[in-house]
Amino acid sequence: MSKAKKLDFRPNEFVVYPAHGVGRIISIEEQEIAGLSLELFVISFEKDKMTLRVPTNKATEVGMRGLSSPDIVSKAMDTLKGKARVKRAMWSRRAQEYEQKINSGDLISIAEVVRDLHRNDDQREQSYSERQLYEAALERLTREVAAVAGGDEIAAQKKVDDVLTSRAA
C-alpha cells in the first residue's frame, strides 16, 4: 500500500474540493475513527452551509488542490471567449460528460461547460437539466475566480458575464 503524499494546506487557506468547489480550511484536527487516530482537514463551504472533513493523507487522492493561479484563471476566461463546441451526441451522454467536467475540479474544464451551455437572449430556451448544469458550472467558476481575485463574488460574476456577452457581440 503506497503512502499518499501529504499536502501542506494551512487553516484559513482556500482550497478546491472537486465535488464541491471552493472551500476554506477552518482547522486541522485529530479524530479517532474506528479505533484509528486520523488527522483531518476541516473544510467549510460557506455558500452551501456545509463542513467537510478530509483525511490529510487522502487529500491528493480525492483531488483536493489549492486555488488556481491567476494565469490559469485568465486561460479559463480565454476559454469562455471561444465558440461553443456542442457535440451531436445524445443529451444524456453530453450531460454525463458535462457533469464529469464540473466534478473534475479543473477550472478550464468548468469554463468549457459554461461556454458550451451559455445561451444569449436570442437563442433557444435551455431545458431544465441544461440550465442546472450551466448554473452549477457557472457558480464553481465564479467562486474560484472570486477567491483568486480576493473574494468579491459579485465582481467575479460580472467579469464572467462580460466575457460571455462580449463573445456574442
Protein backbone atom coordinates (compact mmCIF):
# COMPACT_ATOMS: atom_id res chain seq x y z
CA MET A 1 0.00 0.00 0.00
CA SER A 2 1.52 3.29 -1.09
CA LYS A 3 1.62 6.22 1.28
CA ALA A 4 -0.20 9.20 -0.25
CA LYS A 5 1.70 12.47 -0.40
CA LYS A 6 0.57 14.82 2.36
CA LEU A 7 -0.39 18.30 1.24
CA ASP A 8 0.70 21.33 3.21
CA PHE A 9 -2.54 23.28 3.45
CA ARG A 10 -2.96 25.67 6.34
CA PRO A 11 -6.00 26.93 8.26
CA ASN A 12 -7.77 29.93 6.64
CA GLU A 13 -6.46 28.89 3.21
CA PHE A 14 -8.87 28.44 0.30
CA VAL A 15 -8.86 25.05 -1.41
CA VAL A 16 -10.81 23.43 -4.24
CA TYR A 17 -12.51 20.14 -3.50
CA PRO A 18 -13.55 18.66 -6.89
CA ALA A 19 -17.08 17.60 -5.96
CA HIS A 20 -17.96 20.78 -4.02
CA GLY A 21 -15.86 23.66 -5.36
CA VAL A 22 -14.10 26.34 -3.31
CA GLY A 23 -13.97 25.97 0.46
CA ARG A 24 -11.86 27.34 3.30
CA ILE A 25 -9.85 25.20 5.69
CA ILE A 26 -11.06 26.07 9.19
CA SER A 27 -8.69 23.80 11.08
CA ILE A 28 -6.69 20.61 11.09
CA GLU A 29 -7.84 18.25 13.81
CA GLU A 30 -7.16 14.78 15.19
CA GLN A 31 -10.11 12.42 15.48
CA GLU A 32 -10.37 8.81 16.48
CA ILE A 33 -12.41 6.87 13.94
CA ALA A 34 -12.91 3.09 14.31
CA GLY A 35 -10.02 2.90 16.75
CA LEU A 36 -7.61 4.73 14.42
CA SER A 37 -6.34 8.22 15.05
CA LEU A 38 -6.73 10.34 11.91
CA GLU A 39 -5.55 13.84 11.10
CA LEU A 40 -8.30 15.69 9.20
CA PHE A 41 -8.66 18.91 7.25
CA VAL A 42 -11.91 20.60 8.32
CA ILE A 43 -13.18 22.49 5.28
CA SER A 44 -16.09 24.92 5.35
CA PHE A 45 -18.20 25.66 2.29
CA GLU A 46 -19.96 28.88 3.38
CA LYS A 47 -22.43 29.11 0.49
CA ASP A 48 -23.62 25.51 0.90
CA LYS A 49 -23.60 25.71 4.71
CA MET A 50 -21.55 22.53 4.74
CA THR A 51 -18.49 21.30 6.60
CA LEU A 52 -16.34 18.54 5.18
CA ARG A 53 -13.65 16.53 6.92
CA VAL A 54 -10.95 15.08 4.69
CA PRO A 55 -8.11 12.87 5.99
CA THR A 56 -4.86 14.78 5.36
CA ASN A 57 -3.22 11.72 3.80
CA LYS A 58 -6.11 11.28 1.31
CA ALA A 59 -6.34 14.91 0.15
CA THR A 60 -4.33 14.43 -3.07
CA GLU A 61 -6.08 11.14 -3.81
CA VAL A 62 -9.51 12.80 -3.82
CA GLY A 63 -8.19 15.64 -5.96
CA MET A 64 -8.14 18.44 -3.41
CA ARG A 65 -5.94 21.31 -4.60
CA GLY A 66 -5.07 24.89 -3.90
CA LEU A 67 -6.68 27.74 -5.85
CA SER A 68 -5.73 28.16 -9.49
CA SER A 69 -3.04 30.65 -10.38
CA PRO A 70 -4.09 33.97 -11.96
CA ASP A 71 -2.55 32.57 -15.18
CA ILE A 72 -4.98 29.62 -15.20
CA VAL A 73 -7.88 31.98 -14.43
CA SER A 74 -7.00 34.06 -17.50
CA LYS A 75 -6.79 30.86 -19.60
CA ALA A 76 -10.27 29.94 -18.33
CA MET A 77 -11.53 33.40 -19.35
CA ASP A 78 -9.99 32.88 -22.81
CA THR A 79 -11.81 29.53 -22.97
CA LEU A 80 -15.08 31.38 -22.33
CA LYS A 81 -14.39 33.66 -25.31
CA GLY A 82 -14.22 30.69 -27.69
CA LYS A 83 -17.01 29.36 -29.84
CA ALA A 84 -19.32 26.84 -28.15
CA ARG A 85 -18.46 23.28 -29.12
CA VAL A 86 -21.60 21.24 -28.81
CA LYS A 87 -21.24 17.62 -29.83
CA ARG A 88 -24.02 15.95 -31.75
CA ALA A 89 -24.28 13.13 -29.22
CA MET A 90 -27.48 12.42 -27.33
CA TRP A 91 -28.23 14.84 -24.48
CA SER A 92 -27.87 12.15 -21.76
CA ARG A 93 -24.33 11.39 -22.97
CA ARG A 94 -23.35 15.07 -23.18
CA ALA A 95 -24.90 15.76 -19.76
CA GLN A 96 -22.77 12.99 -18.30
CA GLU A 97 -19.61 14.50 -19.86
CA TYR A 98 -20.51 17.97 -18.57
CA GLU A 99 -21.11 16.54 -15.08
CA GLN A 100 -17.67 14.85 -15.16
CA LYS A 101 -16.00 18.10 -16.23
CA ILE A 102 -17.72 20.06 -13.44
CA ASN A 103 -16.75 17.48 -10.81
CA SER A 104 -13.17 17.20 -12.09
CA GLY A 105 -12.39 20.45 -10.27
CA ASP A 106 -10.34 21.62 -13.27
CA LEU A 107 -11.11 25.31 -13.85
CA ILE A 108 -10.59 25.18 -17.61
CA SER A 109 -12.92 22.16 -17.98
CA ILE A 110 -15.55 24.01 -15.94
CA ALA A 111 -15.11 27.07 -18.20
CA GLU A 112 -15.69 24.80 -21.24
CA VAL A 113 -19.03 23.68 -19.76
CA VAL A 114 -20.07 27.31 -19.13
CA ARG A 115 -19.04 28.27 -22.67
CA ASP A 116 -20.88 25.33 -24.29
CA LEU A 117 -24.11 25.75 -22.31
CA HIS A 118 -24.32 29.57 -22.29
CA ARG A 119 -27.35 30.95 -24.17
CA ASN A 120 -27.87 34.50 -25.40
CA ASP A 121 -31.29 36.12 -25.28
CA ASP A 122 -31.89 35.47 -28.97
CA GLN A 123 -31.11 31.75 -28.76
CA ARG A 124 -33.47 28.91 -27.95
CA GLU A 125 -34.50 28.27 -24.36
CA GLN A 126 -32.47 25.86 -22.22
CA SER A 127 -34.00 22.69 -20.88
CA TYR A 128 -34.22 22.31 -17.10
CA SER A 129 -31.30 19.87 -16.88
CA GLU A 130 -29.20 22.03 -19.21
CA ARG A 131 -29.82 25.09 -17.02
CA GLN A 132 -28.98 23.11 -13.85
CA LEU A 133 -25.62 22.04 -15.28
CA TYR A 134 -24.92 25.54 -16.59
CA GLU A 135 -25.67 27.17 -13.24
CA ALA A 136 -23.58 24.62 -11.33
CA ALA A 137 -20.60 25.21 -13.63
CA LEU A 138 -21.07 28.98 -13.56
CA GLU A 139 -21.18 29.00 -9.76
CA ARG A 140 -17.99 26.93 -9.45
CA LEU A 141 -16.22 29.16 -11.97
CA THR A 142 -17.23 32.45 -10.34
CA ARG A 143 -16.42 31.22 -6.82
CA GLU A 144 -12.88 30.28 -7.82
CA VAL A 145 -12.36 33.45 -9.88
CA ALA A 146 -13.55 35.45 -6.85
CA ALA A 147 -11.31 33.55 -4.40
CA VAL A 148 -8.25 34.04 -6.64
CA ALA A 149 -9.05 37.75 -7.10
CA GLY A 150 -9.56 38.32 -3.39
CA GLY A 151 -13.09 37.36 -2.54
CA ASP A 152 -15.62 39.63 -4.30
CA GLU A 153 -18.08 37.18 -5.87
CA ILE A 154 -20.29 39.89 -7.43
CA ALA A 155 -17.31 41.39 -9.27
CA ALA A 156 -16.27 37.91 -10.43
CA GLN A 157 -19.82 37.23 -11.67
CA LYS A 158 -19.76 40.50 -13.63
CA LYS A 159 -16.35 39.68 -15.10
CA VAL A 160 -17.58 36.27 -16.33
CA ASP A 161 -20.84 37.78 -17.66
CA ASP A 162 -18.90 40.48 -19.53
CA VAL A 163 -16.71 37.86 -21.21
CA LEU A 164 -19.75 35.77 -22.20
CA THR A 165 -21.72 38.74 -23.60
CA SER A 166 -18.70 40.22 -25.41
CA ARG A 167 -18.28 36.90 -27.19
CA ALA A 168 -21.79 37.20 -28.63
CA ALA A 169 -21.28 40.73 -29.94
